[in-house]
């Protein structure tokens, strides 16, 4: 009788380990898919002639276009300030 329970407990433990390994694999694959989707968007933008990266006029950091607000009046179609700097400026203007 005792061997039956040990065997059952061992099987349960093995299944949990297998499940944990599969969960980690799924998470790794989801991260990889997100990276690949980002590359696809980047390649599509390059094909359209849109910039792959832009430099913020305030913080001078190079960032992807998704970090900038759209502005159709601008040459590239994006504002010159990134979203973070724009929000910081608005916060300062409203509090002062």
N, C-alpha and C. Protein backbone atom coordinates (compact mmCIF):
# COMPACT_ATOMS: atom_id res chain seq x y z
N UNK A 1 0.82 -1.19 0.00
CA UNK A 1 0.00 0.00 0.00
C UNK A 1 0.87 1.27 0.00
N UNK A 2 1.90 1.23 0.75
CA UNK A 2 2.75 2.40 0.86
C UNK A 2 3.39 2.76 -0.47
N UNK A 3 3.77 1.78 -1.25
CA UNK A 3 4.39 2.06 -2.55
C UNK A 3 3.40 2.72 -3.49
N UNK A 4 2.12 2.42 -3.37
CA UNK A 4 1.11 3.05 -4.21
C UNK A 4 1.02 4.54 -3.96
N UNK A 5 1.06 4.94 -2.70
CA UNK A 5 1.00 6.37 -2.38
C UNK A 5 2.27 7.09 -2.81
N UNK A 6 3.41 6.47 -2.59
CA UNK A 6 4.67 7.08 -3.00
C UNK A 6 4.69 7.25 -4.52
N UNK A 7 4.25 6.24 -5.19
CA UNK A 7 4.20 6.30 -6.64
C UNK A 7 3.25 7.40 -7.11
N UNK A 8 2.12 7.51 -6.45
CA UNK A 8 1.14 8.53 -6.80
C UNK A 8 1.69 9.93 -6.49
N UNK A 9 2.34 10.07 -5.34
CA UNK A 9 2.92 11.35 -4.97
C UNK A 9 4.05 11.73 -5.93
N UNK A 10 4.83 10.75 -6.31
CA UNK A 10 5.92 11.00 -7.24
C UNK A 10 5.37 11.43 -8.61
N UNK A 11 4.32 10.77 -9.05
CA UNK A 11 3.70 11.13 -10.32
C UNK A 11 3.16 12.56 -10.27
N UNK A 12 2.54 12.92 -9.16
CA UNK A 12 2.01 14.27 -8.98
C UNK A 12 3.15 15.29 -9.01
N UNK A 13 4.23 14.98 -8.32
CA UNK A 13 5.39 15.88 -8.29
C UNK A 13 5.99 16.02 -9.69
N UNK A 14 6.07 14.91 -10.41
CA UNK A 14 6.59 14.96 -11.77
C UNK A 14 5.71 15.81 -12.67
N UNK A 15 4.41 15.68 -12.52
CA UNK A 15 3.48 16.48 -13.32
C UNK A 15 3.60 17.97 -13.00
N UNK A 16 3.78 18.30 -11.74
CA UNK A 16 3.96 19.71 -11.36
C UNK A 16 5.24 20.27 -11.97
N UNK A 17 6.33 19.50 -11.93
CA UNK A 17 7.58 19.95 -12.52
C UNK A 17 7.44 20.15 -14.02
N UNK A 18 6.75 19.22 -14.66
CA UNK A 18 6.52 19.34 -16.10
C UNK A 18 5.67 20.56 -16.42
N UNK A 19 4.64 20.79 -15.60
CA UNK A 19 3.78 21.97 -15.80
C UNK A 19 4.60 23.25 -15.64
N UNK A 20 5.43 23.32 -14.60
CA UNK A 20 6.25 24.50 -14.37
C UNK A 20 7.21 24.75 -15.53
N UNK A 21 7.78 23.67 -16.05
CA UNK A 21 8.69 23.80 -17.19
C UNK A 21 7.93 24.32 -18.41
N UNK A 22 6.71 23.84 -18.62
CA UNK A 22 5.91 24.30 -19.75
C UNK A 22 5.50 25.76 -19.60
N UNK A 23 5.18 26.17 -18.38
CA UNK A 23 4.81 27.57 -18.13
C UNK A 23 6.00 28.47 -18.44
N UNK A 24 7.18 28.08 -18.01
CA UNK A 24 8.38 28.88 -18.30
C UNK A 24 8.63 28.95 -19.80
N UNK A 25 8.44 27.85 -20.49
CA UNK A 25 8.63 27.82 -21.93
C UNK A 25 7.64 28.73 -22.64
N UNK A 26 6.39 28.72 -22.20
CA UNK A 26 5.37 29.59 -22.79
C UNK A 26 5.73 31.06 -22.56
N UNK A 27 6.19 31.40 -21.36
CA UNK A 27 6.58 32.77 -21.07
C UNK A 27 7.75 33.20 -21.94
N UNK A 28 8.73 32.29 -22.11
CA UNK A 28 9.88 32.60 -22.95
C UNK A 28 9.43 32.82 -24.40
N UNK A 29 8.53 31.99 -24.88
CA UNK A 29 8.05 32.13 -26.24
C UNK A 29 7.23 33.40 -26.43
N UNK A 30 6.46 33.78 -25.43
CA UNK A 30 5.68 35.03 -25.53
C UNK A 30 6.60 36.24 -25.60
N UNK A 31 7.68 36.22 -24.81
CA UNK A 31 8.65 37.32 -24.89
C UNK A 31 9.28 37.37 -26.27
N UNK A 32 9.61 36.22 -26.81
CA UNK A 32 10.22 36.15 -28.14
C UNK A 32 9.25 36.66 -29.21
N UNK A 33 7.98 36.29 -29.10
CA UNK A 33 6.98 36.76 -30.05
C UNK A 33 6.86 38.29 -29.98
N UNK A 34 6.89 38.84 -28.77
CA UNK A 34 6.80 40.30 -28.62
C UNK A 34 7.98 40.99 -29.30
N UNK A 35 9.17 40.42 -29.15
CA UNK A 35 10.35 41.00 -29.81
C UNK A 35 10.20 40.92 -31.32
N UNK A 36 9.77 39.77 -31.81
CA UNK A 36 9.60 39.61 -33.26
C UNK A 36 8.52 40.52 -33.82
N UNK A 37 7.43 40.71 -33.07
CA UNK A 37 6.38 41.63 -33.52
C UNK A 37 6.92 43.05 -33.60
N UNK A 38 7.76 43.42 -32.64
CA UNK A 38 8.39 44.74 -32.68
C UNK A 38 9.27 44.90 -33.90
N UNK A 39 10.00 43.85 -34.26
CA UNK A 39 10.84 43.90 -35.46
C UNK A 39 9.99 44.03 -36.71
N UNK A 40 8.88 43.32 -36.74
CA UNK A 40 7.99 43.40 -37.90
C UNK A 40 7.48 44.82 -38.07
N UNK A 41 7.05 45.44 -36.99
CA UNK A 41 6.57 46.82 -37.05
C UNK A 41 7.68 47.74 -37.54
N UNK A 42 8.89 47.51 -37.02
CA UNK A 42 10.02 48.33 -37.43
C UNK A 42 10.30 48.19 -38.93
N UNK A 43 10.28 46.96 -39.43
CA UNK A 43 10.51 46.73 -40.85
C UNK A 43 9.40 47.34 -41.70
N UNK A 44 8.17 47.25 -41.21
CA UNK A 44 7.06 47.85 -41.95
C UNK A 44 7.21 49.35 -42.03
N UNK A 45 7.66 49.96 -40.92
CA UNK A 45 7.86 51.41 -40.93
C UNK A 45 9.00 51.80 -41.87
N UNK A 46 10.05 50.98 -41.90
CA UNK A 46 11.15 51.26 -42.82
C UNK A 46 10.67 51.18 -44.27
N UNK A 47 9.81 50.20 -44.54
CA UNK A 47 9.30 50.04 -45.90
C UNK A 47 8.43 51.23 -46.30
N UNK A 48 7.76 51.83 -45.34
CA UNK A 48 6.91 53.00 -45.61
C UNK A 48 7.72 54.28 -45.67
N UNK A 49 9.00 54.22 -45.29
CA UNK A 49 9.83 55.41 -45.26
C UNK A 49 9.74 56.17 -43.96
N UNK A 50 9.12 55.56 -42.94
CA UNK A 50 9.01 56.21 -41.64
C UNK A 50 10.29 55.97 -40.84
N UNK A 51 10.62 56.86 -39.91
CA UNK A 51 11.84 56.68 -39.13
C UNK A 51 11.74 55.48 -38.19
N UNK A 52 12.86 54.80 -38.00
CA UNK A 52 12.90 53.67 -37.08
C UNK A 52 13.10 54.16 -35.66
N UNK A 53 13.91 55.20 -35.49
CA UNK A 53 14.17 55.80 -34.18
C UNK A 53 14.20 57.31 -34.32
N UNK A 54 13.83 57.99 -33.26
CA UNK A 54 13.84 59.45 -33.24
C UNK A 54 14.60 59.92 -32.00
N UNK A 55 15.14 61.15 -32.08
CA UNK A 55 15.84 61.72 -30.94
C UNK A 55 14.96 62.80 -30.32
N UNK A 56 14.74 62.69 -29.02
CA UNK A 56 13.94 63.67 -28.30
C UNK A 56 14.70 65.00 -28.23
N UNK A 57 14.00 66.09 -28.47
CA UNK A 57 14.64 67.41 -28.46
C UNK A 57 14.91 67.91 -27.04
N UNK A 58 14.31 67.26 -26.04
CA UNK A 58 14.50 67.70 -24.66
C UNK A 58 15.56 66.84 -23.95
N UNK A 59 15.32 65.54 -23.87
CA UNK A 59 16.24 64.66 -23.13
C UNK A 59 17.36 64.12 -24.02
N UNK A 60 17.27 64.33 -25.33
CA UNK A 60 18.29 63.93 -26.31
C UNK A 60 18.50 62.42 -26.42
N UNK A 61 17.56 61.64 -25.89
CA UNK A 61 17.67 60.19 -25.99
C UNK A 61 17.06 59.72 -27.31
N UNK A 62 17.65 58.67 -27.86
CA UNK A 62 17.13 58.06 -29.08
C UNK A 62 16.11 57.00 -28.66
N UNK A 63 14.88 57.13 -29.20
CA UNK A 63 13.79 56.25 -28.80
C UNK A 63 13.00 55.81 -30.03
N UNK A 64 12.26 54.71 -29.92
CA UNK A 64 11.42 54.29 -31.05
C UNK A 64 10.25 55.26 -31.22
N UNK A 65 9.67 55.32 -32.40
CA UNK A 65 8.57 56.25 -32.65
C UNK A 65 7.36 56.05 -31.73
N UNK A 66 7.19 54.86 -31.19
CA UNK A 66 6.07 54.62 -30.29
C UNK A 66 6.18 55.44 -29.01
N UNK A 67 7.36 55.99 -28.73
CA UNK A 67 7.57 56.82 -27.54
C UNK A 67 7.29 58.30 -27.81
N UNK A 68 6.79 58.62 -29.00
CA UNK A 68 6.49 60.00 -29.37
C UNK A 68 5.03 60.10 -29.77
N UNK A 69 4.44 61.28 -29.51
CA UNK A 69 3.06 61.53 -29.95
C UNK A 69 3.06 61.79 -31.44
N UNK A 70 1.99 61.39 -32.12
CA UNK A 70 1.84 61.64 -33.54
C UNK A 70 1.58 63.13 -33.78
N UNK A 71 2.15 63.66 -34.85
CA UNK A 71 1.94 65.05 -35.24
C UNK A 71 2.07 65.11 -36.76
N UNK A 72 0.94 65.13 -37.43
CA UNK A 72 0.95 65.05 -38.89
C UNK A 72 1.51 66.31 -39.56
N UNK A 73 1.62 67.39 -38.81
CA UNK A 73 2.18 68.61 -39.40
C UNK A 73 3.70 68.57 -39.44
N UNK A 74 4.30 67.68 -38.70
CA UNK A 74 5.75 67.55 -38.67
C UNK A 74 6.22 66.69 -39.85
N UNK A 75 7.45 66.88 -40.27
CA UNK A 75 7.99 66.17 -41.43
C UNK A 75 7.89 64.65 -41.28
N UNK A 76 8.25 64.13 -40.12
CA UNK A 76 8.25 62.68 -39.90
C UNK A 76 6.93 62.16 -39.36
N UNK A 77 6.04 63.07 -38.98
CA UNK A 77 4.74 62.63 -38.47
C UNK A 77 4.71 62.42 -36.97
N UNK A 78 5.77 62.87 -36.27
CA UNK A 78 5.84 62.74 -34.81
C UNK A 78 6.30 64.05 -34.20
N UNK A 79 5.93 64.28 -32.94
CA UNK A 79 6.39 65.46 -32.22
C UNK A 79 7.88 65.34 -31.95
N UNK A 80 8.54 66.46 -31.67
CA UNK A 80 9.98 66.43 -31.42
C UNK A 80 10.30 66.01 -29.99
N UNK A 81 9.33 66.13 -29.07
CA UNK A 81 9.53 65.73 -27.68
C UNK A 81 8.91 64.35 -27.47
N UNK A 82 9.59 63.51 -26.69
CA UNK A 82 9.03 62.20 -26.38
C UNK A 82 7.85 62.36 -25.42
N UNK A 83 7.09 61.30 -25.25
CA UNK A 83 5.91 61.35 -24.38
C UNK A 83 6.28 61.67 -22.94
N UNK A 84 7.38 61.11 -22.47
CA UNK A 84 7.81 61.34 -21.08
C UNK A 84 8.11 62.81 -20.85
N UNK A 85 8.87 63.41 -21.76
CA UNK A 85 9.22 64.84 -21.61
C UNK A 85 7.99 65.72 -21.79
N UNK A 86 7.09 65.34 -22.69
CA UNK A 86 5.86 66.12 -22.88
C UNK A 86 5.01 66.10 -21.61
N UNK A 87 4.88 64.92 -21.01
CA UNK A 87 4.10 64.81 -19.76
C UNK A 87 4.76 65.59 -18.64
N UNK A 88 6.08 65.55 -18.56
CA UNK A 88 6.79 66.28 -17.51
C UNK A 88 6.58 67.78 -17.67
N UNK A 89 6.61 68.26 -18.92
CA UNK A 89 6.41 69.67 -19.17
C UNK A 89 4.99 70.10 -18.81
N UNK A 90 4.01 69.29 -19.17
CA UNK A 90 2.61 69.59 -18.83
C UNK A 90 2.42 69.60 -17.33
N UNK A 91 3.03 68.66 -16.63
CA UNK A 91 2.92 68.60 -15.17
C UNK A 91 3.51 69.83 -14.51
N UNK A 92 4.63 70.32 -15.03
CA UNK A 92 5.26 71.52 -14.48
C UNK A 92 4.40 72.74 -14.77
N UNK A 93 3.85 72.82 -15.99
CA UNK A 93 3.03 73.98 -16.36
C UNK A 93 1.75 74.04 -15.52
N UNK A 94 1.13 72.90 -15.26
CA UNK A 94 -0.12 72.88 -14.50
C UNK A 94 0.09 73.15 -13.02
N UNK A 95 1.23 72.71 -12.49
CA UNK A 95 1.45 72.90 -11.05
C UNK A 95 1.96 74.30 -10.73
N UNK A 96 2.50 74.99 -11.73
CA UNK A 96 3.11 76.28 -11.46
C UNK A 96 2.29 77.38 -11.87
